[in-house]
N, C-alpha and C. Protein backbone atom coordinates (compact mmCIF):
# COMPACT_ATOMS: atom_id res chain seq x y z
N MET A 1 0.84 -1.18 0.14
CA MET A 1 0.05 0.03 0.27
C MET A 1 1.14 1.01 0.31
N LEU A 2 0.66 2.05 -0.76
CA LEU A 2 1.52 3.50 -0.90
C LEU A 2 1.04 4.25 0.08
N ARG A 3 2.05 4.66 0.63
CA ARG A 3 1.49 5.98 1.35
C ARG A 3 2.02 7.26 1.15
N CYS A 4 1.31 8.25 0.99
CA CYS A 4 1.46 9.23 0.28
C CYS A 4 1.70 11.02 1.36
N THR A 5 3.25 11.39 1.01
CA THR A 5 3.12 12.48 1.94
C THR A 5 3.45 14.03 0.96
N ALA A 6 2.63 14.87 1.15
CA ALA A 6 2.63 15.99 0.37
C ALA A 6 3.34 17.22 1.40
N TYR A 7 3.93 17.91 0.97
CA TYR A 7 5.25 19.37 1.60
C TYR A 7 4.71 20.29 0.82
N ASP A 8 4.62 21.57 1.72
CA ASP A 8 4.93 22.74 1.23
C ASP A 8 6.14 23.08 1.04
N ARG A 9 6.68 23.75 -0.10
CA ARG A 9 7.49 24.26 -0.70
C ARG A 9 8.12 25.15 0.01
N ARG A 10 9.36 25.49 -0.41
CA ARG A 10 9.95 26.42 0.53
C ARG A 10 9.02 27.79 0.40
N GLY A 11 8.62 28.79 1.54
CA GLY A 11 8.29 29.76 1.57
C GLY A 11 6.79 29.78 1.03
N ARG A 12 5.84 28.40 1.18
CA ARG A 12 4.35 28.47 1.14
C ARG A 12 3.94 27.76 2.12
N GLY A 13 2.66 27.87 2.30
CA GLY A 13 1.89 27.28 3.77
C GLY A 13 2.40 27.66 4.61
N ASP A 14 2.63 26.29 5.11
CA ASP A 14 3.47 26.32 6.51
C ASP A 14 4.78 25.94 6.31
N SER A 15 5.50 26.10 5.51
CA SER A 15 6.53 25.49 5.08
C SER A 15 7.67 27.11 5.60
N SER A 16 8.49 27.46 6.22
CA SER A 16 9.53 28.48 6.30
C SER A 16 10.31 28.81 5.19
N ASP A 17 11.29 29.78 5.27
CA ASP A 17 11.39 31.20 4.52
C ASP A 17 13.15 31.36 4.40
N THR A 18 14.32 30.70 4.62
CA THR A 18 15.06 31.23 4.97
C THR A 18 15.67 31.18 4.01
N LYS A 19 16.21 32.70 4.31
CA LYS A 19 17.12 33.28 3.08
C LYS A 19 18.60 33.29 3.34
N PRO A 20 19.28 33.39 2.20
CA PRO A 20 18.85 33.85 1.02
C PRO A 20 17.89 32.44 0.09
N TYR A 21 17.50 32.37 -0.87
CA TYR A 21 16.85 31.41 -1.39
C TYR A 21 18.12 31.18 -2.40
N ALA A 22 18.16 29.51 -2.84
CA ALA A 22 18.92 28.76 -3.79
C ALA A 22 18.00 27.81 -3.79
N VAL A 23 18.21 27.20 -5.16
CA VAL A 23 17.46 26.21 -5.83
C VAL A 23 18.40 24.75 -4.78
N GLU A 24 19.43 24.94 -4.29
CA GLU A 24 19.99 24.03 -3.79
C GLU A 24 19.57 23.43 -2.28
N ARG A 25 19.24 24.48 -1.79
CA ARG A 25 18.06 24.65 -0.58
C ARG A 25 16.69 23.67 -0.57
N GLU A 26 16.14 23.88 -1.80
CA GLU A 26 15.02 23.04 -2.06
C GLU A 26 14.84 21.88 -2.35
N ILE A 27 16.56 21.59 -3.23
CA ILE A 27 16.81 20.47 -2.98
C ILE A 27 17.13 19.53 -1.77
N GLU A 28 17.86 20.32 -1.06
CA GLU A 28 18.34 19.56 0.45
C GLU A 28 16.39 19.69 1.24
N ASP A 29 15.52 20.36 1.23
CA ASP A 29 14.32 19.98 1.78
C ASP A 29 13.58 18.99 1.39
N LEU A 30 13.91 18.56 -0.34
CA LEU A 30 12.85 17.31 -0.88
C LEU A 30 13.38 16.41 -0.12
N GLU A 31 15.13 16.49 0.04
CA GLU A 31 16.01 15.00 0.05
C GLU A 31 15.19 14.74 1.68
N ALA A 32 15.36 16.32 2.64
CA ALA A 32 15.05 15.63 3.95
C ALA A 32 13.31 14.95 4.13
N VAL A 33 12.62 15.63 2.86
CA VAL A 33 11.09 14.72 3.31
C VAL A 33 11.54 13.55 2.60
N ILE A 34 12.18 13.06 2.06
CA ILE A 34 12.36 11.70 1.49
C ILE A 34 13.32 10.93 2.74
N ASP A 35 14.02 11.81 3.27
CA ASP A 35 14.63 10.99 4.53
C ASP A 35 13.65 10.53 5.65
N GLU A 36 12.64 11.72 5.71
CA GLU A 36 11.88 11.24 6.94
C GLU A 36 10.97 10.12 6.54
N ALA A 37 10.44 10.22 5.22
CA ALA A 37 9.64 8.88 5.11
C ALA A 37 10.38 7.83 5.04
N GLY A 38 11.51 7.45 4.90
CA GLY A 38 12.21 6.01 4.76
C GLY A 38 13.48 5.97 4.23
N GLY A 39 13.71 7.25 3.66
CA GLY A 39 15.34 7.21 2.87
C GLY A 39 14.88 7.09 1.24
N SER A 40 14.09 6.78 0.76
CA SER A 40 13.57 6.62 -0.72
C SER A 40 12.27 6.75 -0.76
N ALA A 41 12.27 7.49 -2.11
CA ALA A 41 9.89 7.60 -2.61
C ALA A 41 10.12 7.41 -3.83
N TYR A 42 9.03 7.08 -4.43
CA TYR A 42 8.55 7.60 -5.59
C TYR A 42 7.79 8.95 -5.41
N VAL A 43 8.36 9.70 -6.51
CA VAL A 43 8.33 11.27 -6.45
C VAL A 43 7.58 11.63 -7.53
N TRP A 44 6.67 12.57 -7.59
CA TRP A 44 5.59 13.41 -8.50
C TRP A 44 6.10 14.84 -8.57
N GLY A 45 6.37 15.34 -9.51
CA GLY A 45 6.75 16.66 -9.36
C GLY A 45 6.00 17.19 -10.45
N LEU A 46 5.33 18.66 -9.61
CA LEU A 46 4.23 19.13 -11.16
C LEU A 46 4.79 20.78 -11.53
N SER A 47 4.96 20.89 -13.23
CA SER A 47 5.33 22.09 -13.16
C SER A 47 6.88 22.30 -12.96
N SER A 48 7.22 23.59 -12.10
CA SER A 48 8.35 23.96 -11.55
C SER A 48 8.82 22.49 -10.50
N GLY A 49 7.52 21.75 -9.53
CA GLY A 49 8.02 20.92 -8.97
C GLY A 49 8.46 19.83 -9.97
N ALA A 50 8.21 19.61 -11.16
CA ALA A 50 8.81 18.45 -12.03
C ALA A 50 10.48 18.73 -12.17
N ILE A 51 10.57 20.46 -12.41
CA ILE A 51 12.30 20.41 -12.73
C ILE A 51 12.51 20.30 -11.09
N LEU A 52 12.58 20.71 -10.14
CA LEU A 52 13.37 20.44 -9.22
C LEU A 52 13.39 19.02 -8.67
N ALA A 53 12.43 18.11 -8.80
CA ALA A 53 12.52 16.73 -8.91
C ALA A 53 13.44 16.24 -9.61
N LEU A 54 13.76 16.71 -11.05
CA LEU A 54 14.77 16.23 -11.85
C LEU A 54 15.88 16.80 -11.30
N ARG A 55 16.22 17.95 -10.84
CA ARG A 55 17.20 18.43 -10.74
C ARG A 55 18.02 17.37 -8.93
N ALA A 56 16.47 17.31 -8.39
CA ALA A 56 17.39 16.62 -7.23
C ALA A 56 17.63 15.29 -7.21
N ALA A 57 17.28 14.54 -8.70
CA ALA A 57 17.46 13.14 -9.02
C ALA A 57 19.00 13.53 -9.35
N THR A 58 19.53 14.28 -9.98
CA THR A 58 20.82 14.56 -10.34
C THR A 58 21.34 14.51 -9.26
N ARG A 59 21.32 15.08 -8.52
CA ARG A 59 21.99 15.23 -7.50
C ARG A 59 22.41 13.95 -6.22
N GLY A 60 21.66 12.95 -6.75
CA GLY A 60 21.89 11.80 -5.96
C GLY A 60 20.53 11.55 -5.37
N VAL A 61 19.62 12.36 -5.03
CA VAL A 61 18.13 12.20 -3.57
C VAL A 61 17.81 10.71 -4.19
N LYS A 62 17.75 10.28 -3.00
CA LYS A 62 17.18 8.67 -3.59
C LYS A 62 15.49 8.94 -4.31
N MET A 63 15.56 8.37 -5.12
CA MET A 63 14.03 8.06 -6.04
C MET A 63 14.11 6.70 -6.30
N THR A 64 12.86 5.85 -6.17
CA THR A 64 12.53 4.84 -6.79
C THR A 64 11.92 4.96 -8.23
N LYS A 65 11.40 5.44 -8.63
CA LYS A 65 10.56 6.24 -9.09
C LYS A 65 10.25 7.40 -9.39
N LEU A 66 10.10 8.22 -10.61
CA LEU A 66 9.64 9.39 -10.71
C LEU A 66 8.79 10.08 -12.03
N ALA A 67 7.80 10.63 -11.32
CA ALA A 67 6.60 11.01 -12.36
C ALA A 67 7.14 12.47 -12.19
N LEU A 68 7.10 12.88 -13.48
CA LEU A 68 7.22 14.29 -14.17
C LEU A 68 6.26 14.90 -14.75
N HIS A 69 5.59 16.21 -14.55
CA HIS A 69 4.17 16.23 -14.93
C HIS A 69 4.39 17.82 -15.39
N GLU A 70 4.09 17.68 -16.64
CA GLU A 70 4.51 18.71 -17.44
C GLU A 70 5.18 19.97 -17.00
N PRO A 71 6.56 19.69 -17.04
CA PRO A 71 7.80 20.82 -16.58
C PRO A 71 7.45 21.81 -17.79
N PRO A 72 7.80 23.28 -17.34
CA PRO A 72 7.87 24.14 -18.26
C PRO A 72 9.10 24.52 -19.17
N PHE A 73 9.66 23.19 -19.94
CA PHE A 73 10.23 23.16 -20.66
C PHE A 73 10.10 24.03 -21.93
N ILE A 74 10.82 24.69 -22.49
CA ILE A 74 10.50 25.39 -23.96
C ILE A 74 11.82 24.99 -24.79
N VAL A 75 11.52 24.01 -25.77
CA VAL A 75 12.79 23.32 -26.31
C VAL A 75 12.66 23.56 -28.07
N ASN A 76 11.40 24.05 -28.41
CA ASN A 76 11.67 24.55 -29.95
C ASN A 76 11.49 25.74 -29.98
N PRO A 77 11.99 26.51 -30.98
CA PRO A 77 12.90 27.85 -30.91
C PRO A 77 11.48 28.36 -31.37
N ASN A 78 10.76 27.89 -31.96
CA ASN A 78 8.96 28.52 -32.58
C ASN A 78 7.98 28.55 -31.82
N ASP A 79 8.46 28.26 -30.63
CA ASP A 79 7.22 28.03 -29.22
C ASP A 79 7.44 29.63 -28.75
N ARG A 80 6.80 29.94 -27.73
CA ARG A 80 6.73 31.07 -27.32
C ARG A 80 7.55 31.00 -26.01
N LYS A 81 8.18 32.28 -25.88
CA LYS A 81 9.31 32.07 -24.53
C LYS A 81 9.07 32.74 -23.82
N PRO A 82 9.35 32.89 -22.67
CA PRO A 82 9.55 34.29 -21.66
C PRO A 82 10.66 35.25 -22.31
N PRO A 83 10.56 36.23 -22.23
CA PRO A 83 11.77 37.28 -22.12
C PRO A 83 12.80 36.98 -21.61
N GLN A 84 13.75 37.52 -22.51
CA GLN A 84 15.42 36.89 -21.80
C GLN A 84 15.48 37.39 -20.52
N ASP A 85 15.20 38.52 -20.04
CA ASP A 85 15.17 39.32 -18.43
C ASP A 85 13.71 38.44 -17.84
N PHE A 86 13.21 37.11 -18.25
CA PHE A 86 12.32 37.35 -17.22
C PHE A 86 12.60 36.97 -15.76
N LYS A 87 13.79 36.39 -15.70
CA LYS A 87 13.79 35.88 -14.23
C LYS A 87 14.10 37.34 -13.10
N ASN A 88 15.43 38.01 -13.82
CA ASN A 88 15.53 39.22 -12.72
C ASN A 88 14.17 40.14 -13.38
N HIS A 89 13.78 40.15 -13.76
CA HIS A 89 12.20 40.99 -13.57
C HIS A 89 11.62 40.56 -12.64
N VAL A 90 11.11 39.23 -12.63
CA VAL A 90 10.12 38.84 -11.79
C VAL A 90 10.78 39.20 -10.17
N MET A 91 12.14 38.87 -10.19
CA MET A 91 12.87 39.04 -8.73
C MET A 91 12.42 40.80 -8.54
N GLU A 92 12.70 41.68 -9.45
CA GLU A 92 12.82 43.01 -8.93
C GLU A 92 11.13 43.76 -8.64
N LEU A 93 10.32 42.70 -8.85
CA LEU A 93 8.95 43.07 -9.26
C LEU A 93 8.46 42.83 -7.95
N ILE A 94 9.06 41.38 -7.31
CA ILE A 94 9.15 40.74 -6.03
C ILE A 94 9.53 41.71 -5.36
N ALA A 95 10.67 42.32 -5.25
CA ALA A 95 11.59 43.17 -4.40
C ALA A 95 11.08 44.39 -3.79
N SER A 96 10.19 44.83 -5.17
CA SER A 96 9.42 46.25 -4.62
C SER A 96 8.01 45.58 -4.14
N ASN A 97 7.76 44.68 -3.81
CA ASN A 97 6.57 44.45 -3.56
C ASN A 97 5.40 44.73 -4.02
N ARG A 98 5.62 44.24 -5.31
CA ARG A 98 4.64 44.48 -6.55
C ARG A 98 3.70 43.25 -6.98
N ARG A 99 3.36 42.52 -5.73
CA ARG A 99 3.05 41.20 -5.82
C ARG A 99 1.90 41.09 -7.09
N ALA A 100 0.84 41.54 -7.02
CA ALA A 100 -0.18 41.47 -8.20
C ALA A 100 0.44 41.80 -9.88
N GLU A 101 1.43 42.88 -9.80
CA GLU A 101 2.33 42.96 -10.83
C GLU A 101 2.69 41.69 -11.30
N ALA A 102 3.58 41.22 -10.18
CA ALA A 102 4.52 40.00 -10.55
C ALA A 102 3.50 38.89 -10.93
N ILE A 103 2.24 38.64 -10.28
CA ILE A 103 1.86 37.46 -10.83
C ILE A 103 1.24 37.62 -12.20
N ARG A 104 0.42 38.94 -12.23
CA ARG A 104 0.52 39.08 -14.01
C ARG A 104 1.66 38.88 -14.86
N TYR A 105 2.68 39.28 -14.67
CA TYR A 105 3.76 39.20 -15.27
C TYR A 105 4.04 37.95 -15.43
N PHE A 106 4.29 37.16 -14.35
CA PHE A 106 4.42 35.69 -14.29
C PHE A 106 3.51 34.67 -15.31
N MET A 107 2.35 35.09 -15.18
CA MET A 107 1.73 34.24 -15.56
C MET A 107 1.69 34.41 -17.40
N MET A 108 1.24 35.87 -17.78
CA MET A 108 1.44 35.93 -19.08
C MET A 108 2.37 35.96 -19.99
N GLN A 109 3.47 36.51 -19.20
CA GLN A 109 4.94 36.51 -19.89
C GLN A 109 5.54 34.90 -19.57
N GLY A 110 5.70 34.58 -18.30
CA GLY A 110 6.21 33.30 -18.34
C GLY A 110 5.47 32.17 -18.76
N MET A 111 4.10 32.02 -18.39
CA MET A 111 3.27 30.73 -18.92
C MET A 111 2.34 31.21 -20.12
N GLY A 112 2.48 32.15 -20.40
CA GLY A 112 1.94 32.15 -21.65
C GLY A 112 0.10 32.57 -21.31
N ALA A 113 -0.39 32.78 -20.15
CA ALA A 113 -2.07 32.50 -20.41
C ALA A 113 -2.48 34.20 -20.68
N PRO A 114 -3.58 34.03 -21.42
CA PRO A 114 -4.17 35.25 -22.31
C PRO A 114 -4.31 36.27 -20.73
N SER A 115 -4.56 37.59 -21.11
CA SER A 115 -4.84 38.56 -19.87
C SER A 115 -6.28 38.11 -19.51
N PHE A 116 -6.89 37.71 -20.12
CA PHE A 116 -8.58 37.52 -19.82
C PHE A 116 -8.59 36.62 -18.29
N ILE A 117 -7.68 35.46 -19.11
CA ILE A 117 -7.49 34.48 -17.79
C ILE A 117 -7.00 35.40 -16.34
N VAL A 118 -6.03 36.12 -16.22
CA VAL A 118 -5.81 36.85 -15.22
C VAL A 118 -6.45 37.25 -14.66
N SER A 119 -7.37 38.08 -15.47
CA SER A 119 -8.60 38.81 -15.02
C SER A 119 -9.42 37.97 -14.39
N MET A 120 -9.74 37.37 -14.99
CA MET A 120 -10.79 36.21 -14.58
C MET A 120 -10.59 35.47 -12.99
N MET A 121 -9.29 35.48 -12.93
CA MET A 121 -8.94 34.90 -11.40
C MET A 121 -9.03 35.77 -10.13
N ARG A 122 -8.86 37.17 -10.66
CA ARG A 122 -9.06 38.17 -9.87
C ARG A 122 -10.27 38.12 -9.13
N ILE A 123 -11.45 37.74 -10.21
CA ILE A 123 -12.64 38.32 -9.58
C ILE A 123 -13.13 36.40 -9.33
N MET A 124 -12.42 35.57 -9.29
CA MET A 124 -13.04 34.23 -8.67
C MET A 124 -12.73 33.96 -7.08
N PRO A 125 -13.55 33.76 -6.44
CA PRO A 125 -13.45 33.76 -4.83
C PRO A 125 -12.26 32.76 -4.65
N GLY A 126 -11.51 33.50 -3.72
CA GLY A 126 -10.63 32.74 -3.34
C GLY A 126 -9.27 32.43 -3.94
N VAL A 127 -9.46 32.21 -5.66
CA VAL A 127 -8.17 32.44 -6.17
C VAL A 127 -6.97 33.49 -6.04
N TRP A 128 -7.35 34.87 -6.12
CA TRP A 128 -6.45 35.51 -6.44
C TRP A 128 -5.79 36.25 -4.90
N ASP A 129 -6.67 35.68 -3.58
CA ASP A 129 -5.51 35.50 -2.46
C ASP A 129 -4.98 34.81 -2.55
N LYS A 130 -5.06 33.45 -2.98
CA LYS A 130 -4.12 32.10 -2.59
C LYS A 130 -2.70 32.84 -3.79
N LEU A 131 -3.13 33.25 -4.83
CA LEU A 131 -2.08 33.55 -5.54
C LEU A 131 -1.16 34.50 -4.76
N MET A 132 -1.60 36.11 -4.10
CA MET A 132 -1.15 36.40 -3.59
C MET A 132 -0.18 36.41 -2.18
N ALA A 133 -0.95 35.30 -1.89
CA ALA A 133 -0.27 34.57 -0.60
C ALA A 133 1.41 34.14 -0.67
N VAL A 134 1.23 33.72 -2.15
CA VAL A 134 2.71 32.87 -2.53
C VAL A 134 3.50 33.52 -3.48
N ALA A 135 2.88 34.69 -3.85
CA ALA A 135 3.67 35.52 -4.90
C ALA A 135 5.21 35.66 -4.65
N HIS A 136 5.79 36.19 -3.18
CA HIS A 136 6.90 35.99 -3.17
C HIS A 136 7.77 34.67 -3.39
N THR A 137 7.25 33.53 -3.99
CA THR A 137 7.88 32.79 -4.28
C THR A 137 7.74 32.37 -6.07
N LEU A 138 7.76 33.47 -6.58
CA LEU A 138 7.46 33.20 -8.24
C LEU A 138 9.13 33.12 -8.24
N PRO A 139 9.61 34.20 -7.64
CA PRO A 139 11.43 34.26 -7.85
C PRO A 139 11.81 32.79 -7.98
N TYR A 140 11.53 32.00 -7.16
CA TYR A 140 12.08 30.56 -6.84
C TYR A 140 11.50 29.68 -8.16
N ASP A 141 10.60 30.11 -8.74
CA ASP A 141 9.75 28.96 -9.25
C ASP A 141 10.56 29.47 -11.30
N ALA A 142 11.02 30.48 -11.02
CA ALA A 142 11.38 31.53 -12.17
C ALA A 142 13.23 30.81 -12.29
N ALA A 143 13.72 30.92 -10.99
CA ALA A 143 15.31 30.10 -10.80
C ALA A 143 15.15 28.82 -10.97
N LEU A 144 14.21 28.25 -10.89
CA LEU A 144 14.22 26.60 -11.41
C LEU A 144 14.12 26.41 -12.75
N GLY A 145 13.33 27.40 -13.37
CA GLY A 145 13.09 27.28 -14.53
C GLY A 145 14.60 28.05 -15.79
N ASP A 146 15.16 28.54 -15.21
CA ASP A 146 16.44 29.49 -16.05
C ASP A 146 16.71 28.62 -16.30
N GLY A 147 17.22 28.98 -18.34
CA GLY A 147 17.83 28.06 -18.58
C GLY A 147 17.68 26.55 -19.43
N TYR A 148 16.38 26.82 -18.98
CA TYR A 148 15.31 25.79 -19.89
C TYR A 148 14.29 26.02 -20.30
N MET A 149 14.19 27.36 -20.61
CA MET A 149 13.04 28.05 -21.31
C MET A 149 13.35 28.82 -22.54
N ASN A 150 14.55 28.97 -23.11
CA ASN A 150 14.95 29.63 -23.93
C ASN A 150 15.04 29.19 -25.55
N GLY A 151 13.94 28.12 -25.74
CA GLY A 151 13.94 27.12 -27.44
C GLY A 151 15.10 26.31 -27.51
N LYS A 152 15.86 26.00 -26.80
CA LYS A 152 16.98 25.23 -26.94
C LYS A 152 16.63 23.86 -26.80
N PRO A 153 17.00 22.69 -27.61
CA PRO A 153 16.91 21.63 -27.17
C PRO A 153 17.43 20.78 -25.79
N LEU A 154 16.73 19.77 -25.16
CA LEU A 154 17.20 19.59 -24.15
C LEU A 154 18.56 18.61 -24.30
N ARG A 155 19.86 18.79 -23.31
CA ARG A 155 20.91 17.64 -23.57
C ARG A 155 20.37 16.70 -22.51
N ALA A 156 20.86 15.42 -23.43
CA ALA A 156 20.69 14.01 -22.84
C ALA A 156 21.64 14.15 -21.95
N SER A 157 22.98 15.00 -21.78
CA SER A 157 24.26 14.39 -20.85
C SER A 157 23.82 15.32 -19.79
N ASP A 158 22.55 16.23 -19.47
CA ASP A 158 22.23 16.64 -18.18
C ASP A 158 21.58 15.69 -17.66
N TRP A 159 21.07 14.96 -18.27
CA TRP A 159 20.24 13.61 -17.40
C TRP A 159 20.64 12.07 -17.46
N SER A 160 21.38 12.15 -18.12
CA SER A 160 22.03 10.61 -18.09
C SER A 160 22.14 9.89 -17.12
N MET A 161 22.22 10.72 -15.83
CA MET A 161 22.37 9.68 -14.13
C MET A 161 21.00 9.33 -13.47
N ILE A 162 20.16 9.81 -14.28
CA ILE A 162 18.41 9.57 -14.34
C ILE A 162 18.17 8.14 -14.54
N THR A 163 18.47 7.12 -13.95
CA THR A 163 18.14 6.03 -14.60
C THR A 163 16.84 5.37 -14.22
N MET A 164 16.26 5.67 -12.55
CA MET A 164 15.37 5.43 -12.28
C MET A 164 14.23 5.05 -13.15
N PRO A 165 13.30 4.53 -12.95
CA PRO A 165 11.88 4.27 -14.42
C PRO A 165 11.24 5.79 -13.60
N ALA A 166 11.17 5.96 -15.10
CA ALA A 166 10.18 7.67 -15.00
C ALA A 166 9.11 7.81 -16.18
N ILE A 167 8.40 8.18 -15.72
CA ILE A 167 6.88 9.02 -16.68
C ILE A 167 6.85 10.22 -16.83
N VAL A 168 6.39 10.72 -18.00
CA VAL A 168 6.28 12.27 -18.13
C VAL A 168 4.59 12.37 -18.51
N LEU A 169 4.10 13.09 -17.62
CA LEU A 169 2.56 13.46 -17.62
C LEU A 169 2.40 14.60 -18.70
N GLN A 170 1.52 14.87 -19.59
CA GLN A 170 1.02 15.50 -20.48
C GLN A 170 -0.73 16.15 -20.76
N GLY A 171 -1.26 17.01 -20.84
CA GLY A 171 -2.29 16.53 -21.39
C GLY A 171 -2.65 17.01 -22.75
N THR A 172 -3.28 16.42 -23.80
CA THR A 172 -3.38 16.55 -24.77
C THR A 172 -3.91 18.22 -25.24
N GLU A 173 -4.52 18.61 -24.41
CA GLU A 173 -5.31 19.79 -24.20
C GLU A 173 -4.44 21.42 -23.77
N SER A 174 -3.03 20.79 -23.43
CA SER A 174 -2.07 21.77 -22.93
C SER A 174 -1.78 22.42 -24.16
N PRO A 175 -0.95 23.86 -24.16
CA PRO A 175 -0.31 24.51 -25.16
C PRO A 175 0.80 23.66 -25.93
N GLU A 176 1.08 24.09 -26.82
CA GLU A 176 1.78 23.31 -27.74
C GLU A 176 3.44 23.42 -26.95
N GLY A 177 3.73 24.29 -26.42
CA GLY A 177 5.17 25.00 -26.17
C GLY A 177 5.52 23.22 -24.87
N LEU A 178 4.45 23.24 -24.19
CA LEU A 178 4.37 22.41 -23.03
C LEU A 178 4.59 20.96 -23.36
N ARG A 179 3.39 20.55 -23.97
CA ARG A 179 3.84 19.52 -24.98
C ARG A 179 4.81 19.18 -26.07
N HIS A 180 5.26 19.85 -26.13
CA HIS A 180 6.99 19.56 -26.95
C HIS A 180 7.94 19.40 -25.91
N GLY A 181 7.56 20.47 -24.60
CA GLY A 181 8.86 20.12 -23.74
C GLY A 181 8.76 18.44 -23.33
N ALA A 182 7.44 18.33 -22.98
CA ALA A 182 7.25 16.70 -22.13
C ALA A 182 7.66 15.61 -23.14
N GLN A 183 7.57 15.83 -24.46
CA GLN A 183 8.07 14.92 -25.58
C GLN A 183 9.30 14.87 -25.59
N ALA A 184 10.18 15.94 -25.20
CA ALA A 184 11.73 16.32 -25.29
C ALA A 184 12.02 15.42 -24.42
N LEU A 185 11.50 15.61 -23.29
CA LEU A 185 11.84 15.17 -21.52
C LEU A 185 12.18 13.38 -21.88
N ALA A 186 10.86 13.26 -22.51
CA ALA A 186 10.89 11.60 -22.49
C ALA A 186 11.69 10.94 -23.19
N ASP A 187 12.11 11.66 -24.38
CA ASP A 187 12.88 11.50 -25.14
C ASP A 187 14.63 11.24 -24.57
N VAL A 188 15.10 12.00 -23.81
CA VAL A 188 16.32 12.25 -23.31
C VAL A 188 16.51 10.93 -21.68
N LEU A 189 15.27 11.22 -20.93
CA LEU A 189 15.70 10.69 -20.00
C LEU A 189 15.72 8.85 -20.77
N PRO A 190 16.80 8.60 -19.83
CA PRO A 190 17.10 7.01 -20.15
C PRO A 190 15.79 5.73 -19.81
N SER A 191 15.39 5.83 -19.10
CA SER A 191 14.52 4.99 -18.63
C SER A 191 12.60 5.60 -18.48
N ALA A 192 12.37 6.76 -19.41
CA ALA A 192 11.12 7.15 -19.33
C ALA A 192 10.44 7.18 -20.71
N ARG A 193 9.02 6.94 -20.21
CA ARG A 193 8.17 7.00 -21.34
C ARG A 193 6.95 8.39 -21.16
N LEU A 194 6.37 8.68 -22.08
CA LEU A 194 5.49 9.55 -21.99
C LEU A 194 4.12 9.04 -22.24
N LEU A 195 3.32 9.66 -21.03
CA LEU A 195 2.14 9.79 -21.24
C LEU A 195 1.10 11.07 -21.62
N SER A 196 0.67 11.01 -22.74
CA SER A 196 -0.21 11.54 -23.07
C SER A 196 -1.82 11.21 -23.08
N LYS A 197 -2.41 12.21 -22.63
CA LYS A 197 -4.07 12.10 -22.01
C LYS A 197 -4.59 13.47 -22.07
N LYS A 198 -5.95 13.14 -22.90
CA LYS A 198 -6.23 14.66 -22.45
C LYS A 198 -7.34 14.35 -20.88
N GLY A 199 -7.08 15.59 -20.22
CA GLY A 199 -7.22 15.46 -19.14
C GLY A 199 -6.18 15.98 -17.88
N LEU A 200 -5.33 15.74 -18.36
CA LEU A 200 -4.29 15.62 -17.72
C LEU A 200 -3.08 17.31 -17.58
N GLY A 201 -3.97 18.27 -18.36
CA GLY A 201 -2.76 19.42 -18.13
C GLY A 201 -3.14 20.12 -17.01
N HIS A 202 -2.14 20.93 -16.91
CA HIS A 202 -2.52 21.85 -15.63
C HIS A 202 -2.18 23.40 -15.32
N THR A 203 -2.93 23.92 -17.07
CA THR A 203 -2.89 25.19 -17.15
C THR A 203 -4.33 25.67 -16.51
N LYS A 204 -5.34 24.43 -16.36
CA LYS A 204 -6.61 25.14 -15.65
C LYS A 204 -6.70 24.61 -14.57
N LYS A 205 -7.72 23.70 -13.67
CA LYS A 205 -8.06 23.43 -12.75
C LYS A 205 -7.94 21.63 -12.96
N LEU A 206 -6.47 21.64 -12.05
CA LEU A 206 -6.29 19.95 -11.91
C LEU A 206 -7.32 18.80 -12.09
N ASN A 207 -7.03 17.82 -12.97
CA ASN A 207 -8.23 16.75 -12.49
C ASN A 207 -7.63 15.81 -11.60
N ALA A 208 -7.82 15.76 -10.14
CA ALA A 208 -6.87 15.35 -9.31
C ALA A 208 -7.08 13.93 -9.34
N LYS A 209 -8.43 12.92 -9.91
CA LYS A 209 -8.79 12.14 -9.84
C LYS A 209 -8.42 11.21 -11.12
N MET A 210 -8.03 11.73 -11.91
CA MET A 210 -7.32 11.36 -12.98
C MET A 210 -5.66 10.96 -12.66
N ILE A 211 -5.42 12.29 -12.10
CA ILE A 211 -3.72 12.26 -12.06
C ILE A 211 -3.67 11.14 -10.94
N ALA A 212 -4.11 11.14 -10.06
CA ALA A 212 -3.99 9.97 -8.80
C ALA A 212 -3.82 8.79 -9.53
N ALA A 213 -5.21 8.60 -10.65
CA ALA A 213 -5.26 6.80 -10.98
C ALA A 213 -3.64 6.56 -12.26
N GLU A 214 -3.47 7.48 -12.62
CA GLU A 214 -2.45 7.28 -13.68
C GLU A 214 -1.11 6.96 -12.80
N LEU A 215 -1.04 8.05 -11.57
CA LEU A 215 0.37 7.52 -10.64
C LEU A 215 -0.12 6.48 -9.92
N ILE A 216 -1.01 6.06 -9.15
CA ILE A 216 -0.84 5.09 -8.59
C ILE A 216 -0.90 3.63 -9.27
N SER A 217 -1.35 3.63 -10.69
CA SER A 217 -0.75 2.58 -11.79
C SER A 217 0.74 2.82 -12.01
N PHE A 218 1.17 3.45 -12.19
CA PHE A 218 2.84 3.63 -12.71
C PHE A 218 3.73 3.61 -11.36
N PHE A 219 3.20 3.55 -10.44
CA PHE A 219 3.81 3.65 -8.79
C PHE A 219 3.73 1.91 -8.56
N ASN A 220 2.77 1.26 -9.15
CA ASN A 220 2.26 -0.05 -8.89
C ASN A 220 2.89 -0.93 -9.94
N GLU A 221 3.31 -0.44 -10.71
CA GLU A 221 4.24 -1.14 -11.78
C GLU A 221 5.25 -2.19 -10.97
N SER A 222 5.63 -3.53 -11.49
CA SER A 222 6.64 -3.59 -11.33
C SER A 222 7.99 -3.96 -11.88
């Protein structure tokens, strides 16, 4: 029987936020959670969390299986890319406490969301408040994705040490750039396969029931 452990990433929810931030500290956080859970784990990472899981795996954090859900890799030069100064601008907006502006910039310039989607989120009960509460962690996500959203192919050598069984999930309804990135990742990981299915996208409300079913199926495979 699988035991499920979820945690708030650094600076979110009940977790602390020791400064200064570094990707290495987030990797240590994940490793500490896995150590507490018994020393090894099946790991699912969504969006920037998938990049975190990948980078942790390259550092030798013990994972038995790895599920990577639509990491925001932009690997095709013709796909929409964030501005070159994306990470620095997000950091500047948060440093000047312009949280709402940072959310809008991150979603539109980083994730490619249409402006009307952002406007709708501002009037949806509870949604904007939740985004504002974690806006200070947007630079963390930008740092995790830095270097992987520039329209260049993934280098197999960066991930060659990730040899545990892996699955890359994507929704057929997701933006083309995300789908290209998921396919590219599945192609370069030594022991990975791509699962592409309608309803697995993460740019709208997550289909938790469908995602859970696919994860349980993968994690239970012998």
